[in-house]
Protein backbone atom coordinates (compact mmCIF):
# COMPACT_ATOMS: atom_id res chain seq x y z
CA MET A 1 -108.36 -16.79 -45.36
CA SER A 2 -109.24 -19.96 -46.86
CA PHE A 3 -108.24 -23.39 -45.95
CA LYS A 4 -106.18 -23.70 -49.09
CA GLU A 5 -104.33 -20.51 -48.40
CA ILE A 6 -103.63 -21.54 -44.82
CA CYS A 7 -102.36 -24.90 -45.99
CA CYS A 8 -100.23 -23.23 -48.67
CA GLU A 9 -98.79 -20.81 -46.15
CA LEU A 10 -98.20 -23.68 -43.74
CA GLY A 11 -96.57 -25.69 -46.52
CA THR A 12 -94.41 -22.71 -47.48
CA ALA A 13 -93.51 -22.03 -43.85
CA LEU A 14 -92.64 -25.68 -43.30
CA ASP A 15 -90.66 -25.75 -46.53
CA ASN A 16 -88.80 -22.60 -45.51
CA GLU A 17 -88.15 -24.09 -42.07
CA PHE A 18 -86.84 -27.34 -43.60
CA ILE A 19 -84.60 -25.27 -45.91
CA ARG A 20 -83.29 -23.28 -42.92
CA VAL A 21 -82.73 -26.49 -40.91
CA ARG A 22 -80.93 -28.04 -43.85
CA ALA A 23 -78.89 -24.87 -44.30
CA ASP A 24 -78.05 -24.90 -40.58
CA GLN A 25 -77.18 -28.58 -40.84
CA ALA A 26 -75.01 -27.89 -43.88
CA GLU A 27 -73.35 -24.98 -42.03
CA LEU A 28 -72.83 -27.13 -38.95
CA GLY A 29 -71.54 -29.95 -41.17
CA GLN A 30 -69.13 -27.45 -42.78
CA GLU A 31 -67.96 -26.23 -39.36
CA LEU A 32 -67.60 -29.80 -38.15
CA THR A 33 -65.64 -30.69 -41.29
CA GLU A 34 -63.40 -27.66 -40.78
CA ARG A 35 -62.85 -28.60 -37.13
CA ILE A 36 -62.14 -32.21 -38.08
CA ASN A 37 -59.72 -30.97 -40.74
CA GLY A 38 -58.12 -28.64 -38.14
CA VAL A 39 -57.77 -31.53 -35.70
CA ALA A 40 -56.38 -33.67 -38.52
CA ASN A 41 -53.86 -30.93 -39.33
CA HIS A 42 -52.90 -30.73 -35.65
CA VAL A 43 -52.59 -34.51 -35.55
CA LYS A 44 -50.34 -34.37 -38.62
CA VAL A 45 -48.20 -31.69 -36.97
CA LEU A 46 -48.07 -33.71 -33.76
CA ASP A 47 -47.29 -36.85 -35.75
CA GLY A 48 -44.41 -35.00 -37.42
CA LYS A 49 -43.15 -33.85 -34.03
CA VAL A 50 -43.51 -37.36 -32.60
CA THR A 51 -41.61 -38.72 -35.61
CA LYS A 52 -38.83 -36.17 -35.04
CA LEU A 53 -38.79 -36.99 -31.31
CA ASP A 54 -38.70 -40.69 -32.13
CA GLU A 55 -35.72 -40.10 -34.42
CA ARG A 56 -33.99 -38.09 -31.71
CA VAL A 57 -34.71 -40.75 -29.10
CA THR A 58 -33.33 -43.37 -31.49
CA ARG A 59 -30.14 -41.30 -31.94
CA VAL A 60 -29.85 -40.84 -28.17
CA GLU A 61 -30.36 -44.57 -27.64
CA ASP A 62 -27.66 -45.31 -30.21
CA LYS A 63 -25.29 -42.89 -28.48
CA VAL A 64 -26.08 -44.40 -25.07
CA ASP A 65 -25.52 -47.91 -26.46
CA SER A 66 -22.21 -46.77 -27.95
CA LEU A 67 -21.16 -45.18 -24.66
CA GLU A 68 -22.22 -48.29 -22.78
CA ALA A 69 -20.10 -50.46 -25.07
CA LYS A 70 -17.11 -48.12 -24.62
CA MET A 71 -17.58 -48.10 -20.84
CA GLU A 72 -17.82 -51.89 -20.75
CA ALA A 73 -14.60 -52.13 -22.74
CA ARG A 74 -12.94 -49.66 -20.36
CA PHE A 75 -14.18 -51.57 -17.31
CA GLU A 76 -12.85 -54.79 -18.79
CA GLN A 77 -9.47 -53.10 -19.33
CA VAL A 78 -9.49 -51.77 -15.78
CA ASP A 79 -10.46 -55.21 -14.43
CA ALA A 80 -7.63 -56.81 -16.41
CA ARG A 81 -5.17 -54.27 -15.02
CA PHE A 82 -6.44 -54.87 -11.48
CA GLU A 83 -5.95 -58.59 -11.99
CA GLN A 84 -2.36 -57.92 -13.13
CA ILE A 85 -1.79 -55.70 -10.10
CA ASP A 86 -3.27 -58.34 -7.81
CA ALA A 87 -0.94 -60.95 -9.32
CA ARG A 88 2.02 -58.65 -8.76
CA PHE A 89 0.97 -58.00 -5.17
CA GLU A 90 0.77 -61.75 -4.63
CA GLN A 91 4.32 -62.07 -6.02
CA ILE A 92 5.48 -59.24 -3.75
CA ASP A 93 3.78 -60.88 -0.77
CA ALA A 94 5.55 -64.15 -1.57
CA ARG A 95 8.87 -62.31 -1.82
CA PHE A 96 8.23 -60.58 1.51
CA GLU A 97 7.48 -63.96 3.08
CA GLN A 98 10.81 -65.24 1.72
CA ILE A 99 12.57 -62.14 3.06
CA ASP A 100 10.89 -62.60 6.46
CA ALA A 101 12.04 -66.22 6.53
CA ARG A 102 15.60 -65.15 5.69
CA PHE A 103 15.50 -62.47 8.40
CA GLU A 104 14.37 -65.12 10.87
CA GLN A 105 17.35 -67.26 9.81
CA VAL A 106 19.68 -64.26 10.20
CA ASP A 107 18.18 -63.49 13.62
CA ALA A 108 18.74 -67.10 14.67
CA ARG A 109 22.36 -66.89 13.47
CA PHE A 110 22.87 -63.62 15.35
CA ASP A 111 21.42 -65.24 18.47
CA ARG A 112 23.86 -68.16 18.12
CA LEU A 113 26.73 -65.73 17.43
CA GLU A 114 25.76 -63.65 20.44
CA THR A 115 25.73 -66.80 22.57
CA LYS A 116 29.22 -67.66 21.29
CA VAL A 117 30.50 -64.11 21.89
CA VAL A 118 29.09 -64.14 25.43
CA GLY A 119 30.76 -67.53 25.93
CA LEU A 120 34.05 -66.19 24.57
CA GLN A 121 33.81 -63.08 26.75
CA SER A 122 33.12 -65.12 29.84
CA GLY A 123 36.03 -67.40 28.88
CA GLN A 124 38.28 -64.37 28.40
CA THR A 125 37.16 -62.91 31.72
CA GLU A 126 37.88 -66.19 33.39
CA MET A 127 41.31 -66.39 31.68
CA MET A 128 42.09 -62.84 32.79
CA SER A 129 41.11 -63.71 36.33
CA ILE A 130 43.41 -66.73 36.19
CA LEU A 131 46.27 -64.68 34.71
CA ILE A 132 45.80 -61.99 37.34
CA ALA A 133 45.81 -64.64 40.05
CA ILE A 134 48.99 -66.14 38.57
CA GLN A 135 50.60 -62.72 38.36
CA ARG A 136 49.77 -61.98 41.99
CA LYS A 137 51.12 -65.34 43.01
CA LEU A 138 54.33 -64.68 41.12
CA ASP A 139 54.58 -61.26 42.69
CA VAL A 140 54.08 -62.74 46.13
CA ASP A 141 56.64 -65.51 45.53
CA ARG A 142 59.32 -63.08 44.35
CA PRO A 143 59.57 -60.26 46.80
CA ASP A 144 63.21 -59.39 45.88
CA VAL A 145 62.39 -58.35 42.30
CA ASP A 146 61.91 -54.68 42.38
CA SER A 147 58.88 -53.24 40.82
CA ALA A 148 60.91 -50.98 38.49
CA SER A 149 62.38 -53.91 36.52
CA VAL A 150 58.96 -55.52 36.05
CA ASN A 151 57.64 -52.51 34.27
């Protein structure tokens, strides 16, 4: 084989090898492009899902905000009612204090009345003792009056 033939074969072999390498590179580039496109499609799907989730989260946040506003309004109503009830309890407490004061006055009056009644009873007992003593004295001074006419 001559030098020219060897060089031609080498040139052909190198050319064929370059063609195969370029074909492999083109095939790998095609696979890489397909994979990138697949990843891009997955990213688009995920982006769509994230968008849907974001919309759902936004709706949930709106609902939570609405519920929070309603609950705040309810708590304010409940607080207002508790304040009214507290005011009424304060009025009732004041009335009970007035009633207690009046009961103390009534108790003091009953104590004074009881003192007077005890004084009257002791005065009556004393008067009865005096009357009994007078009656005995009269009975002793008049022995001739028979006991049948006294009754």
